[in-house]
C-alpha atoms as a PDB file:
ATOM      1  CA  MET A   1      12.031  -2.955 -22.021  1.00  0.00           C
ATOM      2  CA  THR A   2      14.184  -2.341 -24.885  1.00  0.00           C
ATOM      3  CA  THR A   3      17.189   0.071 -24.966  1.00  0.00           C
ATOM      4  CA  LEU A   4      17.060   3.516 -26.432  1.00  0.00           C
ATOM      5  CA  VAL A   5      19.797   4.255 -28.842  1.00  0.00           C
ATOM      6  CA  LEU A   6      20.819   7.904 -28.725  1.00  0.00           C
ATOM      7  CA  ALA A   7      21.821  10.162 -31.649  1.00  0.00           C
ATOM      8  CA  SER A   8      25.354  10.378 -30.440  1.00  0.00           C
ATOM      9  CA  GLY A   9      25.791   6.594 -30.843  1.00  0.00           C
ATOM     10  CA  GLY A  10      25.579   6.079 -27.053  1.00  0.00           C
ATOM     11  CA  GLU A  11      23.038   3.601 -25.500  1.00  0.00           C
ATOM     12  CA  PHE A  12      20.644   4.220 -22.743  1.00  0.00           C
ATOM     13  CA  VAL A  13      19.671   1.063 -20.777  1.00  0.00           C
ATOM     14  CA  ALA A  14      16.227   1.556 -19.396  1.00  0.00           C
ATOM     15  CA  PRO A  15      15.687   0.789 -15.736  1.00  0.00           C
ATOM     16  CA  GLY A  16      14.254  -2.506 -14.695  1.00  0.00           C
ATOM     17  CA  VAL A  17      13.698  -4.956 -11.910  1.00  0.00           C
ATOM     18  CA  LYS A  18      17.348  -4.895 -10.955  1.00  0.00           C
ATOM     19  CA  ASP A  19      17.065  -1.176  -9.899  1.00  0.00           C
ATOM     20  CA  PHE A  20      14.554  -2.230  -7.119  1.00  0.00           C
ATOM     21  CA  PHE A  21      17.232  -4.179  -5.389  1.00  0.00           C
ATOM     22  CA  PRO A  22      19.871  -1.703  -4.154  1.00  0.00           C
ATOM     23  CA  PRO A  23      23.267  -2.981  -2.716  1.00  0.00           C
ATOM     24  CA  ALA A  24      23.483  -3.756   0.992  1.00  0.00           C
ATOM     25  CA  ILE A  25      24.280  -0.886   3.178  1.00  0.00           C
ATOM     26  CA  PHE A  26      25.980  -3.102   5.826  1.00  0.00           C
ATOM     27  CA  GLY A  27      25.836  -6.863   6.203  1.00  0.00           C
ATOM     28  CA  SER A  28      22.539  -8.088   4.701  1.00  0.00           C
ATOM     29  CA  VAL A  29      20.683  -4.933   5.471  1.00  0.00           C
ATOM     30  CA  ASP A  30      19.689  -2.907   2.452  1.00  0.00           C
ATOM     31  CA  LYS A  31      17.882   0.498   1.885  1.00  0.00           C
ATOM     32  CA  PRO A  32      14.257  -0.912   1.859  1.00  0.00           C
ATOM     33  CA  MET A  33      14.861  -2.501   5.270  1.00  0.00           C
ATOM     34  CA  VAL A  34      16.256   0.792   6.723  1.00  0.00           C
ATOM     35  CA  LEU A  35      13.299   2.681   5.277  1.00  0.00           C
ATOM     36  CA  LEU A  36      10.875   0.211   6.800  1.00  0.00           C
ATOM     37  CA  VAL A  37      12.366   0.930  10.296  1.00  0.00           C
ATOM     38  CA  LEU A  38      12.515   4.593   9.538  1.00  0.00           C
ATOM     39  CA  SER A  39       8.743   4.595   8.773  1.00  0.00           C
ATOM     40  CA  VAL A  40       7.961   3.129  12.088  1.00  0.00           C
ATOM     41  CA  LEU A  41      10.032   5.803  13.883  1.00  0.00           C
ATOM     42  CA  ILE A  42       8.530   8.735  11.816  1.00  0.00           C
ATOM     43  CA  ILE A  43       4.858   7.408  12.565  1.00  0.00           C
ATOM     44  CA  GLY A  44       5.661   6.797  16.214  1.00  0.00           C
ATOM     45  CA  THR A  45       7.407  10.269  16.646  1.00  0.00           C
ATOM     46  CA  PHE A  46       4.627  12.068  14.823  1.00  0.00           C
ATOM     47  CA  PHE A  47       1.816  10.871  17.086  1.00  0.00           C
ATOM     48  CA  ILE A  48       3.808  11.156  20.323  1.00  0.00           C
ATOM     49  CA  ALA A  49       4.735  14.668  19.509  1.00  0.00           C
ATOM     50  CA  ALA A  50       1.301  15.727  18.303  1.00  0.00           C
ATOM     51  CA  THR A  51      -0.492  14.259  21.380  1.00  0.00           C
ATOM     52  CA  ARG A  52       2.033  15.296  24.032  1.00  0.00           C
ATOM     53  CA  ARG A  53       0.399  18.581  24.770  1.00  0.00           C
ATOM     54  CA  LEU A  54      -3.222  18.367  23.617  1.00  0.00           C
ATOM     55  CA  LYS A  55      -5.210  21.526  23.467  1.00  0.00           C
ATOM     56  CA  LEU A  56      -8.842  22.252  23.240  1.00  0.00           C
ATOM     57  CA  VAL A  57      -8.207  24.462  20.200  1.00  0.00           C
ATOM     58  CA  PRO A  58      -5.623  22.276  18.211  1.00  0.00           C
ATOM     59  CA  GLY A  59      -2.578  23.774  16.626  1.00  0.00           C
ATOM     60  CA  LYS A  60      -1.610  22.756  13.062  1.00  0.00           C
ATOM     61  CA  PHE A  61       0.384  19.697  14.144  1.00  0.00           C
ATOM     62  CA  GLN A  62      -2.318  18.360  16.419  1.00  0.00           C
ATOM     63  CA  PHE A  63      -5.036  19.085  13.849  1.00  0.00           C
ATOM     64  CA  ALA A  64      -3.039  17.049  11.247  1.00  0.00           C
ATOM     65  CA  ALA A  65      -2.804  14.121  13.768  1.00  0.00           C
ATOM     66  CA  GLU A  66      -6.430  14.382  14.627  1.00  0.00           C
ATOM     67  CA  SER A  67      -7.476  14.453  10.926  1.00  0.00           C
ATOM     68  CA  VAL A  68      -5.447  11.255  10.295  1.00  0.00           C
ATOM     69  CA  TYR A  69      -7.007   9.587  13.379  1.00  0.00           C
ATOM     70  CA  ASP A  70     -10.532  10.690  12.390  1.00  0.00           C
ATOM     71  CA  LEU A  71     -10.003   9.161   8.916  1.00  0.00           C
ATOM     72  CA  GLY A  72      -8.830   5.867  10.268  1.00  0.00           C
ATOM     73  CA  ARG A  73     -11.418   5.754  12.989  1.00  0.00           C
ATOM     74  CA  ASN A  74     -14.584   7.113  11.511  1.00  0.00           C
ATOM     75  CA  SER A  75     -14.237   7.050   7.632  1.00  0.00           C
ATOM     76  CA  ILE A  76     -12.634   3.570   7.599  1.00  0.00           C
ATOM     77  CA  ALA A  77     -13.074   1.446  10.732  1.00  0.00           C
ATOM     78  CA  ARG A  78     -16.499   2.620  11.828  1.00  0.00           C
ATOM     79  CA  GLU A  79     -17.951   2.573   8.283  1.00  0.00           C
ATOM     80  CA  GLN A  80     -16.443  -0.909   7.327  1.00  0.00           C
ATOM     81  CA  ILE A  81     -16.715  -2.786  10.611  1.00  0.00           C
ATOM     82  CA  GLY A  82     -19.816  -1.160  12.140  1.00  0.00           C
ATOM     83  CA  GLY A  83     -20.479   1.208  14.985  1.00  0.00           C
ATOM     84  CA  LYS A  84     -20.937  -1.765  17.509  1.00  0.00           C
ATOM     85  CA  ASP A  85     -17.597  -3.500  16.920  1.00  0.00           C
ATOM     86  CA  PHE A  86     -15.170  -1.107  15.374  1.00  0.00           C
ATOM     87  CA  LYS A  87     -13.413   0.378  18.423  1.00  0.00           C
ATOM     88  CA  PRO A  88     -10.996  -2.427  19.159  1.00  0.00           C
ATOM     89  CA  PHE A  89      -9.615  -2.317  15.619  1.00  0.00           C
ATOM     90  CA  VAL A  90      -9.061   1.397  15.364  1.00  0.00           C
ATOM     91  CA  PRO A  91      -5.337   1.142  16.394  1.00  0.00           C
ATOM     92  CA  LEU A  92      -4.853  -1.661  13.772  1.00  0.00           C
ATOM     93  CA  ILE A  93      -6.525   0.242  10.929  1.00  0.00           C
ATOM     94  CA  LEU A  94      -4.829   3.572  11.735  1.00  0.00           C
ATOM     95  CA  THR A  95      -1.408   1.835  11.927  1.00  0.00           C
ATOM     96  CA  VAL A  96      -1.872  -0.012   8.658  1.00  0.00           C
ATOM     97  CA  PHE A  97      -2.928   3.217   6.969  1.00  0.00           C
ATOM     98  CA  THR A  98      -0.069   5.271   8.270  1.00  0.00           C
ATOM     99  CA  PHE A  99       2.426   2.580   7.700  1.00  0.00           C
ATOM    100  CA  VAL A 100       1.443   2.020   4.007  1.00  0.00           C
ATOM    101  CA  LEU A 101       1.204   5.805   3.329  1.00  0.00           C
ATOM    102  CA  VAL A 102       4.555   6.694   4.757  1.00  0.00           C
ATOM    103  CA  ASN A 103       6.309   3.815   3.054  1.00  0.00           C
ATOM    104  CA  ASN A 104       4.617   4.744  -0.196  1.00  0.00           C
ATOM    105  CA  LEU A 105       5.620   8.456   0.107  1.00  0.00           C
ATOM    106  CA  PHE A 106       9.200   7.560   0.446  1.00  0.00           C
ATOM    107  CA  GLY A 107       9.190   7.177  -3.350  1.00  0.00           C
ATOM    108  CA  LEU A 108       8.794  10.932  -3.731  1.00  0.00           C
ATOM    109  CA  ILE A 109      11.159  12.147  -1.108  1.00  0.00           C
ATOM    110  CA  PRO A 110      14.511  13.528  -2.557  1.00  0.00           C
ATOM    111  CA  PHE A 111      17.551  11.395  -1.766  1.00  0.00           C
ATOM    112  CA  ILE A 112      15.314   8.523  -0.658  1.00  0.00           C
ATOM    113  CA  GLN A 113      13.059   8.047  -3.710  1.00  0.00           C
ATOM    114  CA  PHE A 114      12.210   4.456  -3.044  1.00  0.00           C
ATOM    115  CA  PRO A 115       8.627   3.278  -2.284  1.00  0.00           C
ATOM    116  CA  THR A 116       9.351   0.443   0.162  1.00  0.00           C
ATOM    117  CA  LEU A 117       6.215  -1.469  -0.835  1.00  0.00           C
ATOM    118  CA  ALA A 118       7.610  -1.952  -4.338  1.00  0.00           C
ATOM    119  CA  HIS A 119       9.154  -5.046  -2.700  1.00  0.00           C
ATOM    120  CA  ILE A 120       6.416  -7.651  -2.706  1.00  0.00           C
ATOM    121  CA  GLY A 121       7.614  -9.150   0.614  1.00  0.00           C
ATOM    122  CA  PHE A 122       6.674  -6.212   2.659  1.00  0.00           C
ATOM    123  CA  PRO A 123       3.021  -5.900   1.639  1.00  0.00           C
ATOM    124  CA  LEU A 124       2.811  -9.619   1.678  1.00  0.00           C
ATOM    125  CA  ALA A 125       4.023  -9.546   5.342  1.00  0.00           C
ATOM    126  CA  VAL A 126       1.391  -6.991   6.435  1.00  0.00           C
ATOM    127  CA  SER A 127      -1.389  -8.744   4.579  1.00  0.00           C
ATOM    128  CA  VAL A 128      -0.694 -12.428   5.259  1.00  0.00           C
ATOM    129  CA  LEU A 129       0.971 -12.145   8.732  1.00  0.00           C
ATOM    130  CA  VAL A 130      -1.279  -9.386  10.272  1.00  0.00           C
ATOM    131  CA  ILE A 131      -4.529  -8.737   8.315  1.00  0.00           C
ATOM    132  CA  TYR A 132      -5.274 -12.268   7.313  1.00  0.00           C
ATOM    133  CA  PRO A 133      -5.037 -13.796  10.879  1.00  0.00           C
ATOM    134  CA  VAL A 134      -6.969 -11.029  12.485  1.00  0.00           C
ATOM    135  CA  TYR A 135      -9.996 -11.217  10.312  1.00  0.00           C
ATOM    136  CA  HIS A 136     -10.236 -14.996  10.349  1.00  0.00           C
ATOM    137  CA  TYR A 137      -9.705 -14.978  14.112  1.00  0.00           C
ATOM    138  CA  VAL A 138     -12.507 -12.605  14.771  1.00  0.00           C
ATOM    139  CA  GLY A 139     -14.688 -14.619  12.378  1.00  0.00           C
ATOM    140  CA  PHE A 140     -14.012 -17.871  14.147  1.00  0.00           C
ATOM    141  CA  LYS A 141     -14.437 -16.327  17.542  1.00  0.00           C
ATOM    142  CA  ARG A 142     -17.754 -14.748  16.490  1.00  0.00           C
ATOM    143  CA  HIS A 143     -19.412 -17.604  14.660  1.00  0.00           C
ATOM    144  CA  GLY A 144     -17.461 -20.720  15.928  1.00  0.00           C
ATOM    145  CA  PHE A 145     -15.429 -22.924  13.642  1.00  0.00           C
ATOM    146  CA  VAL A 146     -18.091 -24.639  11.669  1.00  0.00           C
ATOM    147  CA  GLY A 147     -20.287 -21.515  11.747  1.00  0.00           C
ATOM    148  CA  TYR A 148     -17.544 -19.328  10.255  1.00  0.00           C
ATOM    149  CA  LEU A 149     -16.738 -21.739   7.539  1.00  0.00           C
ATOM    150  CA  LYS A 150     -20.484 -21.849   6.625  1.00  0.00           C
ATOM    151  CA  HIS A 151     -20.687 -18.014   6.956  1.00  0.00           C
ATOM    152  CA  ALA A 152     -17.714 -17.481   4.710  1.00  0.00           C
ATOM    153  CA  THR A 153     -18.498 -20.022   1.942  1.00  0.00           C
ATOM    154  CA  MET A 154     -22.309 -20.474   1.855  1.00  0.00           C
ATOM    155  CA  PRO A 155     -24.461 -17.450   0.856  1.00  0.00           C
ATOM    156  CA  PRO A 156     -27.921 -17.699   2.433  1.00  0.00           C
ATOM    157  CA  GLY A 157     -30.689 -18.629   0.034  1.00  0.00           C
ATOM    158  CA  ALA A 158     -28.332 -20.264  -2.587  1.00  0.00           C
ATOM    159  CA  PRO A 159     -29.683 -23.542  -3.820  1.00  0.00           C
ATOM    160  CA  TRP A 160     -27.828 -26.739  -3.116  1.00  0.00           C
ATOM    161  CA  PHE A 161     -26.776 -27.418  -6.721  1.00  0.00           C
ATOM    162  CA  VAL A 162     -25.212 -23.923  -6.926  1.00  0.00           C
ATOM    163  CA  LEU A 163     -23.331 -24.466  -3.603  1.00  0.00           C
ATOM    164  CA  ILE A 164     -21.470 -27.392  -5.094  1.00  0.00           C
ATOM    165  CA  LEU A 165     -19.676 -24.868  -7.205  1.00  0.00           C
ATOM    166  CA  LEU A 166     -19.860 -21.852  -4.947  1.00  0.00           C
ATOM    167  CA  ILE A 167     -18.320 -23.282  -1.779  1.00  0.00           C
ATOM    168  CA  PRO A 168     -14.868 -23.892  -3.234  1.00  0.00           C
ATOM    169  CA  ILE A 169     -14.945 -20.588  -5.063  1.00  0.00           C
ATOM    170  CA  GLU A 170     -15.809 -18.750  -1.895  1.00  0.00           C
ATOM    171  CA  PHE A 171     -13.345 -20.701   0.149  1.00  0.00           C
ATOM    172  CA  PHE A 172     -10.492 -19.909  -2.331  1.00  0.00           C
ATOM    173  CA  GLN A 173     -11.335 -16.311  -2.342  1.00  0.00           C
ATOM    174  CA  LYS A 174     -11.759 -15.869   1.430  1.00  0.00           C
ATOM    175  CA  PHE A 175      -8.728 -17.952   2.536  1.00  0.00           C
ATOM    176  CA  VAL A 176      -6.263 -17.629  -0.252  1.00  0.00           C
ATOM    177  CA  LEU A 177      -7.065 -14.956  -2.767  1.00  0.00           C
ATOM    178  CA  ASN A 178      -8.076 -12.026  -0.453  1.00  0.00           C
ATOM    179  CA  PRO A 179      -4.714 -11.567   1.356  1.00  0.00           C
ATOM    180  CA  LEU A 180      -2.797 -12.048  -1.965  1.00  0.00           C
ATOM    181  CA  THR A 181      -4.736  -9.438  -3.832  1.00  0.00           C
ATOM    182  CA  LEU A 182      -4.574  -7.019  -0.854  1.00  0.00           C
ATOM    183  CA  ALA A 183      -0.741  -7.231  -1.091  1.00  0.00           C
ATOM    184  CA  ILE A 184      -0.386  -7.383  -4.830  1.00  0.00           C
ATOM    185  CA  ARG A 185      -2.539  -4.310  -5.416  1.00  0.00           C
ATOM    186  CA  VAL A 186      -0.314  -1.938  -3.593  1.00  0.00           C
ATOM    187  CA  PHE A 187       2.907  -3.631  -4.675  1.00  0.00           C
ATOM    188  CA  ALA A 188       1.931  -3.384  -8.441  1.00  0.00           C
ATOM    189  CA  ALA A 189       0.903   0.282  -8.119  1.00  0.00           C
ATOM    190  CA  MET A 190       4.177   1.275  -6.327  1.00  0.00           C
ATOM    191  CA  PHE A 191       6.337  -0.934  -8.628  1.00  0.00           C
ATOM    192  CA  ALA A 192       4.881   0.314 -11.856  1.00  0.00           C
ATOM    193  CA  GLY A 193       4.673   3.989 -10.838  1.00  0.00           C
ATOM    194  CA  HIS A 194       8.231   4.155  -9.643  1.00  0.00           C
ATOM    195  CA  LEU A 195       9.492   2.344 -12.766  1.00  0.00           C
ATOM    196  CA  LEU A 196       7.674   4.827 -15.021  1.00  0.00           C
ATOM    197  CA  LEU A 197       9.200   7.722 -13.107  1.00  0.00           C
ATOM    198  CA  MET A 198      12.703   6.241 -13.412  1.00  0.00           C
ATOM    199  CA  VAL A 199      12.275   5.712 -17.092  1.00  0.00           C
ATOM    200  CA  PHE A 200      11.086   9.186 -17.968  1.00  0.00           C
ATOM    201  CA  THR A 201      13.611  10.962 -15.524  1.00  0.00           C
ATOM    202  CA  LEU A 202      16.680   8.925 -16.699  1.00  0.00           C
ATOM    203  CA  ALA A 203      15.679   9.077 -20.327  1.00  0.00           C
ATOM    204  CA  GLY A 204      15.337  12.790 -20.083  1.00  0.00           C
ATOM    205  CA  GLU A 205      18.773  13.077 -18.516  1.00  0.00           C
ATOM    206  CA  ALA A 206      20.357  10.754 -21.148  1.00  0.00           C
ATOM    207  CA  LEU A 207      18.755  12.772 -23.964  1.00  0.00           C
ATOM    208  CA  LEU A 208      19.874  16.126 -22.389  1.00  0.00           C
ATOM    209  CA  PHE A 209      23.459  15.085 -22.163  1.00  0.00           C
ATOM    210  CA  SER A 210      23.707  13.092 -25.386  1.00  0.00           C
ATOM    211  CA  GLY A 211      24.287  16.035 -27.713  1.00  0.00           C
ATOM    212  CA  GLY A 212      22.739  16.530 -31.129  1.00  0.00           C
ATOM    213  CA  ILE A 213      19.094  16.917 -32.038  1.00  0.00           C
ATOM    214  CA  THR A 214      17.947  14.641 -29.038  1.00  0.00           C
ATOM    215  CA  VAL A 215      18.414  17.484 -26.606  1.00  0.00           C
ATOM    216  CA  VAL A 216      15.242  19.080 -27.974  1.00  0.00           C
ATOM    217  CA  VAL A 217      13.216  16.018 -26.894  1.00  0.00           C
ATOM    218  CA  ALA A 218      14.638  15.977 -23.367  1.00  0.00           C
ATOM    219  CA  PRO A 219      12.175  18.611 -21.958  1.00  0.00           C
ATOM    220  CA  ILE A 220       9.250  16.434 -23.031  1.00  0.00           C
ATOM    221  CA  ALA A 221      10.614  13.514 -21.009  1.00  0.00           C
ATOM    222  CA  PHE A 222      10.963  15.708 -17.941  1.00  0.00           C
ATOM    223  CA  LEU A 223       7.513  17.163 -18.350  1.00  0.00           C
ATOM    224  CA  PHE A 224       6.145  13.652 -18.370  1.00  0.00           C
ATOM    225  CA  ALA A 225       8.242  12.816 -15.299  1.00  0.00           C
ATOM    226  CA  ILE A 226       6.769  15.888 -13.407  1.00  0.00           C
ATOM    227  CA  ALA A 227       3.269  14.942 -14.469  1.00  0.00           C
ATOM    228  CA  LEU A 228       3.714  11.334 -13.403  1.00  0.00           C
ATOM    229  CA  THR A 229       5.125  12.563  -9.979  1.00  0.00           C
ATOM    230  CA  PHE A 230       1.822  14.317  -9.217  1.00  0.00           C
ATOM    231  CA  LEU A 231      -0.125  11.294 -10.307  1.00  0.00           C
ATOM    232  CA  GLU A 232       2.037   8.975  -8.370  1.00  0.00           C
ATOM    233  CA  ALA A 233       1.532  11.108  -5.195  1.00  0.00           C
ATOM    234  CA  LEU A 234      -2.284  10.774  -5.618  1.00  0.00           C
ATOM    235  CA  ILE A 235      -1.974   7.054  -6.272  1.00  0.00           C
ATOM    236  CA  MET A 236       0.262   6.597  -3.145  1.00  0.00           C
ATOM    237  CA  VAL A 237      -2.354   8.052  -0.855  1.00  0.00           C
ATOM    238  CA  LEU A 238      -5.181   6.256  -2.547  1.00  0.00           C
ATOM    239  CA  GLN A 239      -3.311   2.898  -2.210  1.00  0.00           C
ATOM    240  CA  ALA A 240      -2.850   3.454   1.534  1.00  0.00           C
ATOM    241  CA  TYR A 241      -6.510   4.369   1.901  1.00  0.00           C
ATOM    242  CA  ILE A 242      -7.660   1.300  -0.129  1.00  0.00           C
ATOM    243  CA  PHE A 243      -5.385  -1.092   1.735  1.00  0.00           C
ATOM    244  CA  ALA A 244      -6.787   0.128   5.078  1.00  0.00           C
ATOM    245  CA  LEU A 245     -10.249   0.258   3.721  1.00  0.00           C
ATOM    246  CA  LEU A 246     -10.197  -3.431   2.479  1.00  0.00           C
ATOM    247  CA  SER A 247      -8.552  -4.564   5.683  1.00  0.00           C
ATOM    248  CA  ALA A 248     -11.427  -3.114   7.703  1.00  0.00           C
ATOM    249  CA  ASN A 249     -13.876  -4.497   5.249  1.00  0.00           C
ATOM    250  CA  TYR A 250     -12.524  -8.055   5.560  1.00  0.00           C
ATOM    251  CA  ILE A 251     -12.765  -7.808   9.343  1.00  0.00           C
ATOM    252  CA  GLY A 252     -16.253  -6.363   9.178  1.00  0.00           C
ATOM    253  CA  ALA A 253     -17.424  -9.087   6.708  1.00  0.00           C
ATOM    254  CA  ALA A 254     -16.007 -11.811   9.041  1.00  0.00           C
ATOM    255  CA  MET A 255     -17.877 -10.448  12.040  1.00  0.00           C
ATOM    256  CA  SER A 256     -21.231  -9.638  10.238  1.00  0.00           C
ATOM    257  CA  GLU A 257     -24.363 -11.802  10.728  1.00  0.00           C
ATOM    258  CA  GLU A 258     -24.879 -11.887   7.029  1.00  0.00           C
ATOM    259  CA  HIS A 259     -22.610 -13.368   4.351  1.00  0.00           C
END
């Protein structure tokens, strides 16, 4: 991204990739690592506090926890995995949803303002080290080794001459592409959204304090930043939902009887 030359002769250097790598807080521990641990503490504390004194008529706090649980259990896990097999996977899907959601929302919290999953390593770890082994494990367990490979790569009814081309494509998609796209989707959304927010916010500040005619333009940059903040909040929630939804979908597809 090019630099913006101000009317006063100063120069505004637009934010870039380097701004997603803050300096270490102590040792080799940096801000994203601390936020990752903080998100786990927040989620654990939230559910423990909300379920410590359950009531028949829930209060606001218990209602919020039950709503999140219902979303993970019924709207995601049951719908994607199926009513027969979904129950063992509810904790996983609920954990993935809340983990991604909280780490995304860090990007909007004052004084934190950093979406942890804008670092590609974090969503890759969840996708490749957690979701990927789980859905292939249940697939092999349900269908057997050869049966699952056939289930994953050979759609029923496809003629043999189509299978010659289809088998390597399906294998690449199921065993290589799916976990990568699952991680890249949320990473790209968080990275691009946070970068845009930084550009408009810092540009507005630079224009405001530059003096001269550019001061008039500064409110426009701030208005764009405010609008993008609301849009980014929606995207953060949607990306958490999509990540959990696709995770459940992969598990359901691996266990299903049909391709």
